[in-house]
Protein backbone atom coordinates (compact mmCIF):
# COMPACT_ATOMS: atom_id res chain seq x y z
CA MET A 1 -67.26 22.48 -8.30
CA ASP A 2 -68.94 20.33 -5.64
CA LEU A 3 -68.65 22.21 -2.42
CA ASP A 4 -70.17 20.90 0.81
CA ARG A 5 -69.97 22.06 4.39
CA GLU A 6 -67.12 19.71 5.37
CA THR A 7 -64.99 20.68 2.35
CA LEU A 8 -65.48 24.38 3.02
CA LYS A 9 -64.70 23.90 6.74
CA SER A 10 -61.48 22.13 5.83
CA ARG A 11 -60.45 25.11 3.67
CA TRP A 12 -61.90 27.85 5.93
CA ILE A 13 -58.56 29.14 7.21
CA GLU A 14 -57.38 29.53 3.62
CA VAL A 15 -60.61 31.42 2.77
CA LEU A 16 -60.19 33.72 5.82
CA ASP A 17 -56.50 34.33 4.93
CA ASP A 18 -57.53 35.36 1.43
CA LEU A 19 -60.26 37.63 2.81
CA GLU A 20 -57.80 39.24 5.20
CA ARG A 21 -55.38 39.97 2.32
CA THR A 22 -58.08 41.31 -0.02
CA HIS A 23 -60.57 43.05 2.29
CA ARG A 24 -59.37 43.40 5.87
CA THR A 25 -62.45 45.22 7.01
CA ALA A 26 -64.73 42.41 5.83
CA TRP A 27 -62.33 39.91 7.50
CA LEU A 28 -62.65 41.76 10.84
CA ALA A 29 -66.47 41.67 10.54
CA LEU A 30 -66.78 38.06 9.45
CA PHE A 31 -63.95 36.05 10.97
CA ASP A 32 -65.93 34.73 13.92
CA GLY A 33 -68.93 33.51 11.93
CA ARG A 34 -69.65 29.77 11.89
CA ILE A 35 -70.51 27.89 8.74
CA ALA A 36 -74.10 26.82 9.34
CA ALA A 37 -74.88 25.43 5.93
CA VAL A 38 -73.62 25.05 2.37
CA THR A 39 -75.96 24.45 -0.50
CA GLU A 40 -75.37 24.50 -4.27
CA ASP A 41 -76.32 28.18 -4.18
CA GLU A 42 -75.23 29.63 -0.89
CA VAL A 43 -73.10 29.51 2.21
CA VAL A 44 -74.91 30.47 5.41
CA LEU A 45 -72.73 32.06 8.15
CA ASP A 46 -74.17 31.98 11.66
CA PHE A 47 -73.45 34.77 14.12
CA SER A 48 -75.70 33.55 16.93
CA ASP A 49 -72.71 33.47 19.28
CA ALA A 50 -71.33 36.84 18.24
CA SER A 51 -72.90 38.49 21.30
CA LYS A 52 -70.62 36.39 23.52
CA MET A 53 -67.71 38.52 22.32
CA ALA A 54 -68.60 41.11 24.99
CA GLY A 55 -69.25 43.96 22.64
CA MET A 56 -66.22 43.41 20.41
CA HIS A 57 -68.32 42.27 17.46
CA GLY A 58 -71.78 43.12 16.25
CA TYR A 59 -73.98 41.09 13.95
CA GLU A 60 -75.11 44.34 12.23
CA ARG A 61 -71.59 44.99 11.01
CA ALA A 62 -71.18 41.41 9.78
CA ALA A 63 -74.50 41.71 7.80
CA LYS A 64 -73.15 44.39 5.37
CA PRO A 65 -73.80 43.14 1.79
CA GLN A 66 -70.34 44.28 0.55
CA PHE A 67 -68.68 42.11 3.24
CA ALA A 68 -70.70 39.04 2.15
CA GLU A 69 -69.69 39.68 -1.45
CA ALA A 70 -66.01 39.99 -0.48
CA LEU A 71 -66.24 36.60 1.41
CA ALA A 72 -67.99 35.01 -1.62
CA ALA A 73 -65.11 36.14 -3.78
CA SER A 74 -62.60 34.66 -1.34
CA ILE A 75 -64.50 31.40 -1.29
CA GLU A 76 -64.38 31.27 -5.07
CA ARG A 77 -60.68 32.12 -5.24
CA VAL A 78 -59.81 29.38 -2.73
CA THR A 79 -62.26 26.60 -3.75
CA GLY A 80 -63.25 27.49 -7.32
CA ALA A 81 -66.91 27.40 -6.29
CA ARG A 82 -69.14 30.47 -6.45
CA ARG A 83 -71.75 30.77 -3.70
CA GLN A 84 -73.81 33.61 -2.39
CA VAL A 85 -73.00 34.32 1.28
CA VAL A 86 -75.92 34.74 3.65
CA VAL A 87 -75.24 36.12 7.08
CA THR A 88 -77.66 35.27 9.90
CA ALA A 89 -77.91 35.24 13.63
CA ASP A 90 -80.89 32.88 13.65
CA GLN A 91 -79.33 29.44 13.13
CA ALA A 92 -79.53 27.09 16.06
């Protein structure tokens, strides 16, 4: 499936709802990430602003590989497109 940033953004609430149902801990860690980029191979989630949450959220927690895999599975269930999820705090 052709999946670009705008398409994923338009379905992001559905993806997060699926993630919450299937892996609530991953949802808690990832829900405030911003879609920085979508390529044919990956989705990059940016947590540059996570520190603004006044200690409620840490990038380190969001970067757990099992959480990225759970999000990738949710993206695939909702959109039909399989992408690796990359979590970063370095996107401007």
